[in-house]
Amino acid sequence: MIRNTSPLKQGLYDPQFEHDACGVGFVVQMKGQASHDIVEQALTILLNLDHRGAVGAEPNTGDGAGVLLQLPHKFMQKVAAAEGLTLPTPGHYGVGMMYASPDPEVRQQSRRIFEDIVTQAGQTVIGWRDVPTDNSTLGETALASEPFMEQVFIGRSSDLADELAFERKLYVIRKQSHMATRHAGIDRYWYPTSISCRTIVYKGQLMPVQVGQYFPDLSDPDMESALGLVHSRFSTNTFPSWERAHPYRYIAHNGEINTMRGNINWMHARQSMFESELFGDDLKKAQPIINVDGSDSTIFDNTLEMLTLSGRSLPHAMMMMIPEPWAGHESMSPAKRRFTNTIPA
C-alpha cells in the first residue's frame, strides 16, 4: 500500500528541487452568466491538454488534472437537500472540498477536529456530504493512494460584514485544520482542495479524460459556472500525488519557478512580522503561511492567496510576486522603479 505522502530526501533525490511544468486553460462567460455549458467547455479544454500532461508507468495513472469553478449554488442547494440540509443564500455559506482517509473511524475523527475549529472561529457546520466518485478507470498507483472525497457546508456568522470577511475566516479555518489533522499525523490523507464561498476545485491524481469520469458531479446540468480554470500536470521533476494536482485555490501554473529557496526563506523570516487590519489576530492562526510539503506552484498560490485576502487587488499582488524587470528600463517612472526593485537602484 502506497502512503499518501511524498518520498523523503534520499540518494540523488531532494524535494527542494521539485518544479512543475504543465498545461493550463481558461474559459469565461464575460457577462458573468453561469451555465453548465461553461463547465463542459472547461472539460473539453482539459481533454485537449492531454498532450501537456503525463502518465506514470501505467497508462491509466496520470500526474494530475482538475478544474476550478465558481461555487454552483443551484447544484449545492440540491445535493445538500438530499442530505437533509438547508443552505442559506449565496455568499452566506462556504463549501469545503476535502480529501480524507478511506478509514471511516479516522475520517470521523478528522471531521470532529474540523468542526471544533469551525466553531472556535465563530462559524457553523451545516453538514457533510460524501462526494460520489467513479474510480473504475484509475491505475493501480492512483488507486493505492486515493483519498475519500467529501464536502462540508459552512454557515457564515452574522457579524461578518461581507463575502471577503467570510473568505478570510474560511482561509484561517483551512490552515488550522491542515495543521491540526494532516501535520499532526491524525489523517495523512487530509487535504482541503478548496474551502470558499466563491469557488470550488475538483481535482486529483487523474488524467484529463478521467476528471469528468471520476467526478459525476461535473456532469450534472445544475453544475453551473461563469468560469472554468483547468490544468493538466506534467511533473517533470516532482512526484505526482492527489494533492499536488492543479488548480490550486487561486492559480493553475504552467512552468517552473527557479527562485524557490530564497522566496521560501524570506517568507519564513517575515511571517512573524506580518500584520493585517483585515485579519487581525487571525493571521497568526494561519501560520505557517506556505506549505513547504507542496510543489513550487503550491507555495506560489499560498503566497498570492495571503496577499490578496490581506486587502491587495489580485493584479497588485501578482505584480509584487512577479515584478516587472527594472534594470536598464530607462522610461520606468521612479515610483514604479521603487515598487519593482527591492534593492535601491
C-alpha atoms as a PDB file:
ATOM      1  CA  MET A   1       0.000   0.000   0.000  1.00  0.00           C
ATOM      2  CA  ILE A   2       1.475   3.361  -1.051  1.00  0.00           C
ATOM      3  CA  ARG A   3       1.171   6.044   1.626  1.00  0.00           C
ATOM      4  CA  ASN A   4      -0.330   9.388   0.685  1.00  0.00           C
ATOM      5  CA  THR A   5       2.983  11.193   1.243  1.00  0.00           C
ATOM      6  CA  SER A   6       5.942  12.174  -0.936  1.00  0.00           C
ATOM      7  CA  PRO A   7       9.345  10.492  -0.572  1.00  0.00           C
ATOM      8  CA  LEU A   8      11.934  11.871   1.810  1.00  0.00           C
ATOM      9  CA  LYS A   9      15.350  13.090   0.664  1.00  0.00           C
ATOM     10  CA  GLN A  10      17.345  10.069  -0.496  1.00  0.00           C
ATOM     11  CA  GLY A  11      20.123   9.279  -2.970  1.00  0.00           C
ATOM     12  CA  LEU A  12      20.098  11.836  -5.780  1.00  0.00           C
ATOM     13  CA  TYR A  13      16.540  12.925  -4.949  1.00  0.00           C
ATOM     14  CA  ASP A  14      15.978  16.116  -2.948  1.00  0.00           C
ATOM     15  CA  PRO A  15      12.432  17.580  -2.651  1.00  0.00           C
ATOM     16  CA  GLN A  16      13.778  21.157  -2.683  1.00  0.00           C
ATOM     17  CA  PHE A  17      14.447  20.807  -6.410  1.00  0.00           C
ATOM     18  CA  GLU A  18      10.871  19.905  -7.330  1.00  0.00           C
ATOM     19  CA  HIS A  19       9.167  22.020 -10.012  1.00  0.00           C
ATOM     20  CA  ASP A  20       6.058  21.776 -12.198  1.00  0.00           C
ATOM     21  CA  ALA A  21       5.744  22.011 -15.989  1.00  0.00           C
ATOM     22  CA  CYS A  22       2.217  21.528 -17.234  1.00  0.00           C
ATOM     23  CA  GLY A  23      -0.720  22.671 -19.389  1.00  0.00           C
ATOM     24  CA  VAL A  24      -3.331  25.227 -18.364  1.00  0.00           C
ATOM     25  CA  GLY A  25      -6.562  26.546 -19.877  1.00  0.00           C
ATOM     26  CA  PHE A  26      -9.290  29.034 -19.017  1.00  0.00           C
ATOM     27  CA  VAL A  27     -12.816  29.760 -20.263  1.00  0.00           C
ATOM     28  CA  VAL A  28     -15.115  32.547 -19.079  1.00  0.00           C
ATOM     29  CA  GLN A  29     -18.552  33.973 -19.855  1.00  0.00           C
ATOM     30  CA  MET A  30     -17.641  37.645 -19.987  1.00  0.00           C
ATOM     31  CA  LYS A  31     -21.014  38.893 -18.719  1.00  0.00           C
ATOM     32  CA  GLY A  32     -20.819  36.613 -15.699  1.00  0.00           C
ATOM     33  CA  GLN A  33     -23.727  34.376 -16.736  1.00  0.00           C
ATOM     34  CA  ALA A  34     -23.275  30.938 -15.195  1.00  0.00           C
ATOM     35  CA  SER A  35     -24.210  27.842 -17.202  1.00  0.00           C
ATOM     36  CA  HIS A  36     -23.392  24.166 -17.480  1.00  0.00           C
ATOM     37  CA  ASP A  37     -22.025  24.876 -20.971  1.00  0.00           C
ATOM     38  CA  ILE A  38     -19.033  26.646 -19.416  1.00  0.00           C
ATOM     39  CA  VAL A  39     -18.307  23.556 -17.289  1.00  0.00           C
ATOM     40  CA  GLU A  40     -18.481  21.343 -20.380  1.00  0.00           C
ATOM     41  CA  GLN A  41     -16.239  23.718 -22.323  1.00  0.00           C
ATOM     42  CA  ALA A  42     -13.703  23.728 -19.494  1.00  0.00           C
ATOM     43  CA  LEU A  43     -13.605  19.921 -19.504  1.00  0.00           C
ATOM     44  CA  THR A  44     -13.211  19.967 -23.307  1.00  0.00           C
ATOM     45  CA  ILE A  45     -10.211  22.275 -22.947  1.00  0.00           C
ATOM     46  CA  LEU A  46      -8.828  19.844 -20.385  1.00  0.00           C
ATOM     47  CA  LEU A  47      -9.179  16.944 -22.826  1.00  0.00           C
ATOM     48  CA  ASN A  48      -7.281  18.983 -25.409  1.00  0.00           C
ATOM     49  CA  LEU A  49      -4.462  19.498 -22.895  1.00  0.00           C
ATOM     50  CA  ASP A  50      -3.833  15.776 -22.626  1.00  0.00           C
ATOM     51  CA  HIS A  51      -0.546  16.158 -24.507  1.00  0.00           C
ATOM     52  CA  ARG A  52       0.639  18.641 -21.838  1.00  0.00           C
ATOM     53  CA  GLY A  53       0.128  16.155 -19.018  1.00  0.00           C
ATOM     54  CA  ALA A  54       1.905  12.935 -18.261  1.00  0.00           C
ATOM     55  CA  VAL A  55       1.328   9.409 -17.033  1.00  0.00           C
ATOM     56  CA  GLY A  56       3.416   7.047 -14.973  1.00  0.00           C
ATOM     57  CA  ALA A  57       4.465   3.507 -15.784  1.00  0.00           C
ATOM     58  CA  GLU A  58       0.759   2.668 -16.021  1.00  0.00           C
ATOM     59  CA  PRO A  59      -1.042   4.306 -18.949  1.00  0.00           C
ATOM     60  CA  ASN A  60      -4.103   4.973 -16.750  1.00  0.00           C
ATOM     61  CA  THR A  61      -2.357   6.764 -13.848  1.00  0.00           C
ATOM     62  CA  GLY A  62      -1.972  10.465 -14.540  1.00  0.00           C
ATOM     63  CA  ASP A  63       0.257  13.090 -12.963  1.00  0.00           C
ATOM     64  CA  GLY A  64      -2.808  15.110 -12.042  1.00  0.00           C
ATOM     65  CA  ALA A  65      -5.667  17.112 -13.542  1.00  0.00           C
ATOM     66  CA  GLY A  66      -8.569  19.198 -12.335  1.00  0.00           C
ATOM     67  CA  VAL A  67     -10.915  22.154 -12.695  1.00  0.00           C
ATOM     68  CA  LEU A  68     -11.716  25.269 -10.641  1.00  0.00           C
ATOM     69  CA  LEU A  69     -15.284  26.597 -10.930  1.00  0.00           C
ATOM     70  CA  GLN A  70     -17.492  29.191  -9.347  1.00  0.00           C
ATOM     71  CA  LEU A  71     -19.487  27.753  -6.459  1.00  0.00           C
ATOM     72  CA  PRO A  72     -22.622  26.346  -8.161  1.00  0.00           C
ATOM     73  CA  HIS A  73     -25.439  27.390  -5.810  1.00  0.00           C
ATOM     74  CA  LYS A  74     -28.247  25.557  -7.613  1.00  0.00           C
ATOM     75  CA  PHE A  75     -26.279  22.296  -7.568  1.00  0.00           C
ATOM     76  CA  MET A  76     -25.138  22.680  -3.959  1.00  0.00           C
ATOM     77  CA  GLN A  77     -28.659  23.513  -2.824  1.00  0.00           C
ATOM     78  CA  LYS A  78     -29.922  20.317  -4.478  1.00  0.00           C
ATOM     79  CA  VAL A  79     -27.270  17.930  -3.128  1.00  0.00           C
ATOM     80  CA  ALA A  80     -27.466  19.483   0.351  1.00  0.00           C
ATOM     81  CA  ALA A  81     -31.239  18.957   0.367  1.00  0.00           C
ATOM     82  CA  ALA A  82     -30.625  15.295  -0.481  1.00  0.00           C
ATOM     83  CA  GLU A  83     -28.647  15.099   2.781  1.00  0.00           C
ATOM     84  CA  GLY A  84     -31.465  16.792   4.706  1.00  0.00           C
ATOM     85  CA  LEU A  85     -29.595  20.111   4.832  1.00  0.00           C
ATOM     86  CA  THR A  86     -30.816  23.617   4.024  1.00  0.00           C
ATOM     87  CA  LEU A  87     -28.337  26.130   2.640  1.00  0.00           C
ATOM     88  CA  PRO A  88     -28.638  29.902   3.041  1.00  0.00           C
ATOM     89  CA  THR A  89     -28.341  32.353   0.145  1.00  0.00           C
ATOM     90  CA  PRO A  90     -25.101  32.580  -1.898  1.00  0.00           C
ATOM     91  CA  GLY A  91     -22.311  34.341  -0.026  1.00  0.00           C
ATOM     92  CA  HIS A  92     -23.692  33.235   3.340  1.00  0.00           C
ATOM     93  CA  TYR A  93     -22.227  29.735   3.191  1.00  0.00           C
ATOM     94  CA  GLY A  94     -18.998  28.147   2.051  1.00  0.00           C
ATOM     95  CA  VAL A  95     -18.195  24.684   0.720  1.00  0.00           C
ATOM     96  CA  GLY A  96     -15.082  22.732   1.566  1.00  0.00           C
ATOM     97  CA  MET A  97     -13.913  20.143  -0.963  1.00  0.00           C
ATOM     98  CA  MET A  98     -11.874  17.724   1.115  1.00  0.00           C
ATOM     99  CA  TYR A  99      -9.610  14.717   0.802  1.00  0.00           C
ATOM    100  CA  ALA A 100      -9.889  12.439   3.814  1.00  0.00           C
ATOM    101  CA  SER A 101      -8.880   8.968   4.947  1.00  0.00           C
ATOM    102  CA  PRO A 102     -10.663   5.955   3.436  1.00  0.00           C
ATOM    103  CA  ASP A 103     -10.857   4.646   7.033  1.00  0.00           C
ATOM    104  CA  PRO A 104     -14.294   5.718   8.417  1.00  0.00           C
ATOM    105  CA  GLU A 105     -13.011   5.969  12.013  1.00  0.00           C
ATOM    106  CA  VAL A 106     -10.087   8.216  11.052  1.00  0.00           C
ATOM    107  CA  ARG A 107     -12.379  10.255   8.846  1.00  0.00           C
ATOM    108  CA  GLN A 108     -14.841  10.766  11.684  1.00  0.00           C
ATOM    109  CA  GLN A 109     -12.031  11.930  13.939  1.00  0.00           C
ATOM    110  CA  SER A 110     -10.914  14.407  11.280  1.00  0.00           C
ATOM    111  CA  ARG A 111     -14.439  15.716  10.967  1.00  0.00           C
ATOM    112  CA  ARG A 112     -14.701  16.301  14.710  1.00  0.00           C
ATOM    113  CA  ILE A 113     -11.427  18.239  14.723  1.00  0.00           C
ATOM    114  CA  PHE A 114     -12.593  20.321  11.768  1.00  0.00           C
ATOM    115  CA  GLU A 115     -15.968  21.057  13.351  1.00  0.00           C
ATOM    116  CA  ASP A 116     -14.268  22.207  16.564  1.00  0.00           C
ATOM    117  CA  ILE A 117     -12.070  24.600  14.580  1.00  0.00           C
ATOM    118  CA  VAL A 118     -15.094  25.978  12.716  1.00  0.00           C
ATOM    119  CA  THR A 119     -16.960  26.511  15.992  1.00  0.00           C
ATOM    120  CA  GLN A 120     -13.960  28.231  17.587  1.00  0.00           C
ATOM    121  CA  ALA A 121     -13.872  30.552  14.547  1.00  0.00           C
ATOM    122  CA  GLY A 122     -17.480  31.559  15.263  1.00  0.00           C
ATOM    123  CA  GLN A 123     -18.907  29.840  12.173  1.00  0.00           C
ATOM    124  CA  THR A 124     -21.346  26.920  11.818  1.00  0.00           C
ATOM    125  CA  VAL A 125     -21.004  23.477  10.248  1.00  0.00           C
ATOM    126  CA  ILE A 126     -24.270  22.960   8.399  1.00  0.00           C
ATOM    127  CA  GLY A 127     -23.400  19.377   7.467  1.00  0.00           C
ATOM    128  CA  TRP A 128     -21.347  16.973   5.386  1.00  0.00           C
ATOM    129  CA  ARG A 129     -21.746  15.207   2.063  1.00  0.00           C
ATOM    130  CA  ASP A 130     -19.917  12.169   0.711  1.00  0.00           C
ATOM    131  CA  VAL A 131     -18.908  13.079  -2.849  1.00  0.00           C
ATOM    132  CA  PRO A 132     -19.725  10.334  -5.375  1.00  0.00           C
ATOM    133  CA  THR A 133     -16.724   9.114  -7.366  1.00  0.00           C
ATOM    134  CA  ASP A 134     -16.050   6.505 -10.045  1.00  0.00           C
ATOM    135  CA  ASN A 135     -12.510   5.101  -9.844  1.00  0.00           C
ATOM    136  CA  SER A 136     -13.060   2.322 -12.384  1.00  0.00           C
ATOM    137  CA  THR A 137     -10.651   3.880 -14.907  1.00  0.00           C
ATOM    138  CA  LEU A 138      -7.816   4.625 -12.436  1.00  0.00           C
ATOM    139  CA  GLY A 139      -4.477   2.816 -12.468  1.00  0.00           C
ATOM    140  CA  GLU A 140      -3.095   0.911  -9.501  1.00  0.00           C
ATOM    141  CA  THR A 141      -0.769   3.706  -8.363  1.00  0.00           C
ATOM    142  CA  ALA A 142      -3.566   6.296  -8.215  1.00  0.00           C
ATOM    143  CA  LEU A 143      -5.882   3.784  -6.536  1.00  0.00           C
ATOM    144  CA  ALA A 144      -3.301   2.903  -3.884  1.00  0.00           C
ATOM    145  CA  SER A 145      -3.210   6.492  -2.601  1.00  0.00           C
ATOM    146  CA  GLU A 146      -6.794   7.501  -3.418  1.00  0.00           C
ATOM    147  CA  PRO A 147      -8.397   9.613  -0.681  1.00  0.00           C
ATOM    148  CA  PHE A 148     -12.047   9.664   0.293  1.00  0.00           C
ATOM    149  CA  MET A 149     -13.868  12.661  -1.215  1.00  0.00           C
ATOM    150  CA  GLU A 150     -16.208  14.702   0.956  1.00  0.00           C
ATOM    151  CA  GLN A 151     -17.765  18.152   1.093  1.00  0.00           C
ATOM    152  CA  VAL A 152     -18.570  20.256   4.127  1.00  0.00           C
ATOM    153  CA  PHE A 153     -21.064  23.128   4.195  1.00  0.00           C
ATOM    154  CA  ILE A 154     -20.150  26.034   6.495  1.00  0.00           C
ATOM    155  CA  GLY A 155     -22.567  28.795   7.501  1.00  0.00           C
ATOM    156  CA  ARG A 156     -21.409  32.416   7.768  1.00  0.00           C
ATOM    157  CA  SER A 157     -21.878  34.205  11.084  1.00  0.00           C
ATOM    158  CA  SER A 158     -23.963  37.386  11.194  1.00  0.00           C
ATOM    159  CA  ASP A 159     -21.073  39.515  12.481  1.00  0.00           C
ATOM    160  CA  LEU A 160     -19.059  39.137   9.249  1.00  0.00           C
ATOM    161  CA  ALA A 161     -19.630  42.167   7.050  1.00  0.00           C
ATOM    162  CA  ASP A 162     -19.261  40.641   3.595  1.00  0.00           C
ATOM    163  CA  GLU A 163     -18.068  37.717   1.484  1.00  0.00           C
ATOM    164  CA  LEU A 164     -14.413  38.709   1.713  1.00  0.00           C
ATOM    165  CA  ALA A 165     -14.539  38.746   5.507  1.00  0.00           C
ATOM    166  CA  PHE A 166     -16.042  35.249   5.312  1.00  0.00           C
ATOM    167  CA  GLU A 167     -13.355  34.147   2.844  1.00  0.00           C
ATOM    168  CA  ARG A 168     -10.696  35.228   5.331  1.00  0.00           C
ATOM    169  CA  LYS A 169     -12.365  33.168   8.074  1.00  0.00           C
ATOM    170  CA  LEU A 170     -12.556  30.144   5.791  1.00  0.00           C
ATOM    171  CA  TYR A 171      -8.887  30.612   4.893  1.00  0.00           C
ATOM    172  CA  VAL A 172      -7.855  30.548   8.552  1.00  0.00           C
ATOM    173  CA  ILE A 173     -10.101  27.531   9.211  1.00  0.00           C
ATOM    174  CA  ARG A 174      -8.462  25.676   6.317  1.00  0.00           C
ATOM    175  CA  LYS A 175      -4.934  26.448   7.506  1.00  0.00           C
ATOM    176  CA  GLN A 176      -5.704  25.449  11.088  1.00  0.00           C
ATOM    177  CA  SER A 177      -7.408  22.209  10.086  1.00  0.00           C
ATOM    178  CA  HIS A 178      -4.483  21.212   7.878  1.00  0.00           C
ATOM    179  CA  MET A 179      -2.057  21.677  10.749  1.00  0.00           C
ATOM    180  CA  ALA A 180      -4.305  20.001  13.338  1.00  0.00           C
ATOM    181  CA  THR A 181      -5.089  16.986  11.177  1.00  0.00           C
ATOM    182  CA  ARG A 182      -2.540  16.329   8.436  1.00  0.00           C
ATOM    183  CA  HIS A 183       0.580  17.681  10.125  1.00  0.00           C
ATOM    184  CA  ALA A 184      -0.397  16.167  13.467  1.00  0.00           C
ATOM    185  CA  GLY A 185      -0.435  12.744  11.783  1.00  0.00           C
ATOM    186  CA  ILE A 186      -4.105  12.074  12.559  1.00  0.00           C
ATOM    187  CA  ASP A 187      -5.187  11.764   8.941  1.00  0.00           C
ATOM    188  CA  ARG A 188      -2.396  11.566   6.361  1.00  0.00           C
ATOM    189  CA  TYR A 189      -4.915  11.960   3.541  1.00  0.00           C
ATOM    190  CA  TRP A 190      -6.469  15.178   4.908  1.00  0.00           C
ATOM    191  CA  TYR A 191      -6.255  17.977   2.373  1.00  0.00           C
ATOM    192  CA  PRO A 192      -8.819  20.694   1.616  1.00  0.00           C
ATOM    193  CA  THR A 193      -8.553  21.355  -2.123  1.00  0.00           C
ATOM    194  CA  SER A 194     -10.749  24.414  -1.550  1.00  0.00           C
ATOM    195  CA  ILE A 195     -12.813  25.985   1.222  1.00  0.00           C
ATOM    196  CA  SER A 196     -14.595  29.019  -0.150  1.00  0.00           C
ATOM    197  CA  CYS A 197     -17.914  30.816  -0.563  1.00  0.00           C
ATOM    198  CA  ARG A 198     -16.915  31.703  -4.132  1.00  0.00           C
ATOM    199  CA  THR A 199     -15.093  28.823  -5.814  1.00  0.00           C
ATOM    200  CA  ILE A 200     -14.672  25.059  -5.693  1.00  0.00           C
ATOM    201  CA  VAL A 201     -11.919  22.761  -7.002  1.00  0.00           C
ATOM    202  CA  TYR A 202     -12.400  19.232  -8.334  1.00  0.00           C
ATOM    203  CA  LYS A 203      -9.018  17.624  -8.905  1.00  0.00           C
ATOM    204  CA  GLY A 204      -6.910  14.526  -8.280  1.00  0.00           C
ATOM    205  CA  GLN A 205      -4.140  12.240  -9.465  1.00  0.00           C
ATOM    206  CA  LEU A 206      -6.023  11.837 -12.710  1.00  0.00           C
ATOM    207  CA  MET A 207      -5.587  12.054 -16.456  1.00  0.00           C
ATOM    208  CA  PRO A 208      -7.560  14.828 -18.189  1.00  0.00           C
ATOM    209  CA  VAL A 209     -10.078  12.340 -19.580  1.00  0.00           C
ATOM    210  CA  GLN A 210     -10.635  10.884 -16.110  1.00  0.00           C
ATOM    211  CA  VAL A 211     -11.696  14.123 -14.373  1.00  0.00           C
ATOM    212  CA  GLY A 212     -15.244  14.149 -15.723  1.00  0.00           C
ATOM    213  CA  GLN A 213     -15.479  10.371 -15.331  1.00  0.00           C
ATOM    214  CA  TYR A 214     -14.207  10.343 -11.755  1.00  0.00           C
ATOM    215  CA  PHE A 215     -16.485  13.164 -10.536  1.00  0.00           C
ATOM    216  CA  PRO A 216     -20.120  12.567 -11.657  1.00  0.00           C
ATOM    217  CA  ASP A 217     -20.941  15.953 -10.069  1.00  0.00           C
ATOM    218  CA  LEU A 218     -19.370  17.648 -13.081  1.00  0.00           C
ATOM    219  CA  SER A 219     -21.916  16.063 -15.454  1.00  0.00           C
ATOM    220  CA  ASP A 220     -24.941  17.338 -13.541  1.00  0.00           C
ATOM    221  CA  PRO A 221     -26.841  20.026 -15.533  1.00  0.00           C
ATOM    222  CA  ASP A 222     -27.141  22.097 -12.340  1.00  0.00           C
ATOM    223  CA  MET A 223     -23.357  22.298 -12.063  1.00  0.00           C
ATOM    224  CA  GLU A 224     -23.109  25.839 -13.435  1.00  0.00           C
ATOM    225  CA  SER A 225     -20.300  28.386 -13.564  1.00  0.00           C
ATOM    226  CA  ALA A 226     -19.327  31.521 -15.462  1.00  0.00           C
ATOM    227  CA  LEU A 227     -15.679  30.483 -15.487  1.00  0.00           C
ATOM    228  CA  GLY A 228     -13.547  27.363 -15.611  1.00  0.00           C
ATOM    229  CA  LEU A 229      -9.817  27.070 -14.931  1.00  0.00           C
ATOM    230  CA  VAL A 230      -8.316  23.710 -15.897  1.00  0.00           C
ATOM    231  CA  HIS A 231      -4.913  22.099 -15.605  1.00  0.00           C
ATOM    232  CA  SER A 232      -3.124  19.011 -16.891  1.00  0.00           C
ATOM    233  CA  ARG A 233       0.018  18.261 -14.883  1.00  0.00           C
ATOM    234  CA  PHE A 234       3.413  17.149 -16.155  1.00  0.00           C
ATOM    235  CA  SER A 235       5.521  16.584 -13.046  1.00  0.00           C
ATOM    236  CA  THR A 236       8.890  16.781 -14.768  1.00  0.00           C
ATOM    237  CA  ASN A 237      10.888  16.524 -11.553  1.00  0.00           C
ATOM    238  CA  THR A 238       8.217  16.151  -8.893  1.00  0.00           C
ATOM    239  CA  PHE A 239       6.418  13.124  -7.578  1.00  0.00           C
ATOM    240  CA  PRO A 240       2.743  13.122  -8.601  1.00  0.00           C
ATOM    241  CA  SER A 241       0.146  12.946  -5.840  1.00  0.00           C
ATOM    242  CA  TRP A 242      -3.522  13.696  -5.331  1.00  0.00           C
ATOM    243  CA  GLU A 243      -2.982  16.998  -3.520  1.00  0.00           C
ATOM    244  CA  ARG A 244      -0.324  18.263  -5.945  1.00  0.00           C
ATOM    245  CA  ALA A 245      -2.761  18.202  -8.841  1.00  0.00           C
ATOM    246  CA  HIS A 246      -3.934  21.638 -10.007  1.00  0.00           C
ATOM    247  CA  PRO A 247      -5.761  24.020  -9.949  1.00  0.00           C
ATOM    248  CA  TYR A 248      -4.992  25.371  -6.502  1.00  0.00           C
ATOM    249  CA  ARG A 249      -7.187  27.949  -4.784  1.00  0.00           C
ATOM    250  CA  TYR A 250      -6.103  30.901  -6.939  1.00  0.00           C
ATOM    251  CA  ILE A 251      -3.857  29.624  -9.710  1.00  0.00           C
ATOM    252  CA  ALA A 252      -3.120  26.856 -12.150  1.00  0.00           C
ATOM    253  CA  HIS A 253       0.523  27.196 -13.029  1.00  0.00           C
ATOM    254  CA  ASN A 254       2.421  26.185 -16.159  1.00  0.00           C
ATOM    255  CA  GLY A 255       6.189  26.206 -15.830  1.00  0.00           C
ATOM    256  CA  GLU A 256       8.961  26.047 -13.272  1.00  0.00           C
ATOM    257  CA  ILE A 257       9.830  28.529 -10.547  1.00  0.00           C
ATOM    258  CA  ASN A 258      13.598  28.787 -10.178  1.00  0.00           C
ATOM    259  CA  THR A 259      13.795  31.126  -7.182  1.00  0.00           C
ATOM    260  CA  MET A 260      12.023  28.879  -4.712  1.00  0.00           C
ATOM    261  CA  ARG A 261      14.537  28.501  -1.907  1.00  0.00           C
ATOM    262  CA  GLY A 262      15.168  32.219  -1.492  1.00  0.00           C
ATOM    263  CA  ASN A 263      11.471  33.038  -1.523  1.00  0.00           C
ATOM    264  CA  ILE A 264      10.670  30.288   0.992  1.00  0.00           C
ATOM    265  CA  ASN A 265      13.369  31.547   3.334  1.00  0.00           C
ATOM    266  CA  TRP A 266      12.087  35.131   3.041  1.00  0.00           C
ATOM    267  CA  MET A 267       8.512  34.052   3.774  1.00  0.00           C
ATOM    268  CA  HIS A 268       9.596  32.121   6.860  1.00  0.00           C
ATOM    269  CA  ALA A 269      11.703  35.047   8.054  1.00  0.00           C
ATOM    270  CA  ARG A 270       8.983  37.645   7.525  1.00  0.00           C
ATOM    271  CA  GLN A 271       5.814  35.875   8.643  1.00  0.00           C
ATOM    272  CA  SER A 272       6.381  36.589  12.346  1.00  0.00           C
ATOM    273  CA  MET A 273       6.156  40.306  11.478  1.00  0.00           C
ATOM    274  CA  PHE A 274       3.010  40.075   9.333  1.00  0.00           C
ATOM    275  CA  GLU A 275       0.182  42.379  10.371  1.00  0.00           C
ATOM    276  CA  SER A 276      -3.221  42.927   8.813  1.00  0.00           C
ATOM    277  CA  GLU A 277      -6.124  45.091   9.925  1.00  0.00           C
ATOM    278  CA  LEU A 278      -8.468  42.829   7.959  1.00  0.00           C
ATOM    279  CA  PHE A 279      -7.226  39.583   9.533  1.00  0.00           C
ATOM    280  CA  GLY A 280      -6.393  40.949  12.969  1.00  0.00           C
ATOM    281  CA  ASP A 281      -5.227  38.214  15.346  1.00  0.00           C
ATOM    282  CA  ASP A 282      -6.428  35.530  12.916  1.00  0.00           C
ATOM    283  CA  LEU A 283      -3.323  35.960  10.777  1.00  0.00           C
ATOM    284  CA  LYS A 284      -1.165  34.307  13.460  1.00  0.00           C
ATOM    285  CA  LYS A 285      -3.535  31.323  13.469  1.00  0.00           C
ATOM    286  CA  ALA A 286      -2.969  30.839   9.733  1.00  0.00           C
ATOM    287  CA  GLN A 287       0.788  30.321  10.056  1.00  0.00           C
ATOM    288  CA  PRO A 288       2.804  28.817   8.541  1.00  0.00           C
ATOM    289  CA  ILE A 289       1.602  30.743   5.505  1.00  0.00           C
ATOM    290  CA  ILE A 290       3.261  28.441   2.985  1.00  0.00           C
ATOM    291  CA  ASN A 291       3.012  24.665   2.759  1.00  0.00           C
ATOM    292  CA  VAL A 292       6.597  23.515   2.178  1.00  0.00           C
ATOM    293  CA  ASP A 293       5.362  19.959   1.537  1.00  0.00           C
ATOM    294  CA  GLY A 294       3.743  21.220  -1.637  1.00  0.00           C
ATOM    295  CA  SER A 295       5.282  21.957  -5.024  1.00  0.00           C
ATOM    296  CA  ASP A 296       6.606  25.314  -6.223  1.00  0.00           C
ATOM    297  CA  SER A 297       3.134  26.129  -7.529  1.00  0.00           C
ATOM    298  CA  THR A 298       1.567  25.326  -4.152  1.00  0.00           C
ATOM    299  CA  ILE A 299       3.874  27.777  -2.420  1.00  0.00           C
ATOM    300  CA  PHE A 300       3.241  30.471  -5.033  1.00  0.00           C
ATOM    301  CA  ASP A 301      -0.509  30.004  -4.578  1.00  0.00           C
ATOM    302  CA  ASN A 302      -0.199  30.143  -0.769  1.00  0.00           C
ATOM    303  CA  THR A 303       1.572  33.493  -1.022  1.00  0.00           C
ATOM    304  CA  LEU A 304      -0.768  35.001  -3.613  1.00  0.00           C
ATOM    305  CA  GLU A 305      -3.784  33.954  -1.572  1.00  0.00           C
ATOM    306  CA  MET A 306      -2.472  35.583   1.594  1.00  0.00           C
ATOM    307  CA  LEU A 307      -1.549  38.842  -0.157  1.00  0.00           C
ATOM    308  CA  THR A 308      -4.954  39.078  -1.853  1.00  0.00           C
ATOM    309  CA  LEU A 309      -7.019  38.273   1.237  1.00  0.00           C
ATOM    310  CA  SER A 310      -4.979  40.854   3.163  1.00  0.00           C
ATOM    311  CA  GLY A 311      -6.564  43.583   1.055  1.00  0.00           C
ATOM    312  CA  ARG A 312      -4.487  43.935  -2.104  1.00  0.00           C
ATOM    313  CA  SER A 313      -6.081  43.610  -5.506  1.00  0.00           C
ATOM    314  CA  LEU A 314      -5.159  40.499  -7.476  1.00  0.00           C
ATOM    315  CA  PRO A 315      -3.147  42.490 -10.090  1.00  0.00           C
ATOM    316  CA  HIS A 316      -1.286  44.307  -7.295  1.00  0.00           C
ATOM    317  CA  ALA A 317      -0.408  41.035  -5.571  1.00  0.00           C
ATOM    318  CA  MET A 318       0.717  39.476  -8.866  1.00  0.00           C
ATOM    319  CA  MET A 319       2.974  42.447  -9.610  1.00  0.00           C
ATOM    320  CA  MET A 320       4.537  42.100  -6.166  1.00  0.00           C
ATOM    321  CA  MET A 321       5.278  38.434  -6.800  1.00  0.00           C
ATOM    322  CA  ILE A 322       6.388  38.812 -10.417  1.00  0.00           C
ATOM    323  CA  PRO A 323       7.736  42.374 -10.641  1.00  0.00           C
ATOM    324  CA  GLU A 324       8.449  43.936 -13.990  1.00  0.00           C
ATOM    325  CA  PRO A 325      12.183  43.960 -14.901  1.00  0.00           C
ATOM    326  CA  TRP A 326      13.583  47.326 -13.885  1.00  0.00           C
ATOM    327  CA  ALA A 327      17.327  47.169 -14.635  1.00  0.00           C
ATOM    328  CA  GLY A 328      18.102  49.236 -17.709  1.00  0.00           C
ATOM    329  CA  HIS A 329      14.458  50.290 -18.097  1.00  0.00           C
ATOM    330  CA  GLU A 330      15.104  53.978 -18.842  1.00  0.00           C
ATOM    331  CA  SER A 331      11.470  55.025 -19.243  1.00  0.00           C
ATOM    332  CA  MET A 332      10.228  53.443 -15.993  1.00  0.00           C
ATOM    333  CA  SER A 333       8.948  56.046 -13.546  1.00  0.00           C
ATOM    334  CA  PRO A 334      10.749  56.435 -10.191  1.00  0.00           C
ATOM    335  CA  ALA A 335       7.586  55.351  -8.329  1.00  0.00           C
ATOM    336  CA  LYS A 336       7.304  52.154 -10.370  1.00  0.00           C
ATOM    337  CA  ARG A 337      11.024  51.512 -10.039  1.00  0.00           C
ATOM    338  CA  ARG A 338      10.695  51.717  -6.246  1.00  0.00           C
ATOM    339  CA  PHE A 339       7.783  49.279  -6.397  1.00  0.00           C
ATOM    340  CA  THR A 340       9.538  46.706  -8.573  1.00  0.00           C
ATOM    341  CA  ASN A 341      13.046  46.992  -7.177  1.00  0.00           C
ATOM    342  CA  THR A 342      13.646  45.723  -3.657  1.00  0.00           C
ATOM    343  CA  ILE A 343      17.328  46.762  -3.904  1.00  0.00           C
ATOM    344  CA  PRO A 344      17.880  50.539  -4.227  1.00  0.00           C
ATOM    345  CA  ALA A 345      18.971  51.467  -7.749  1.00  0.00           C
END
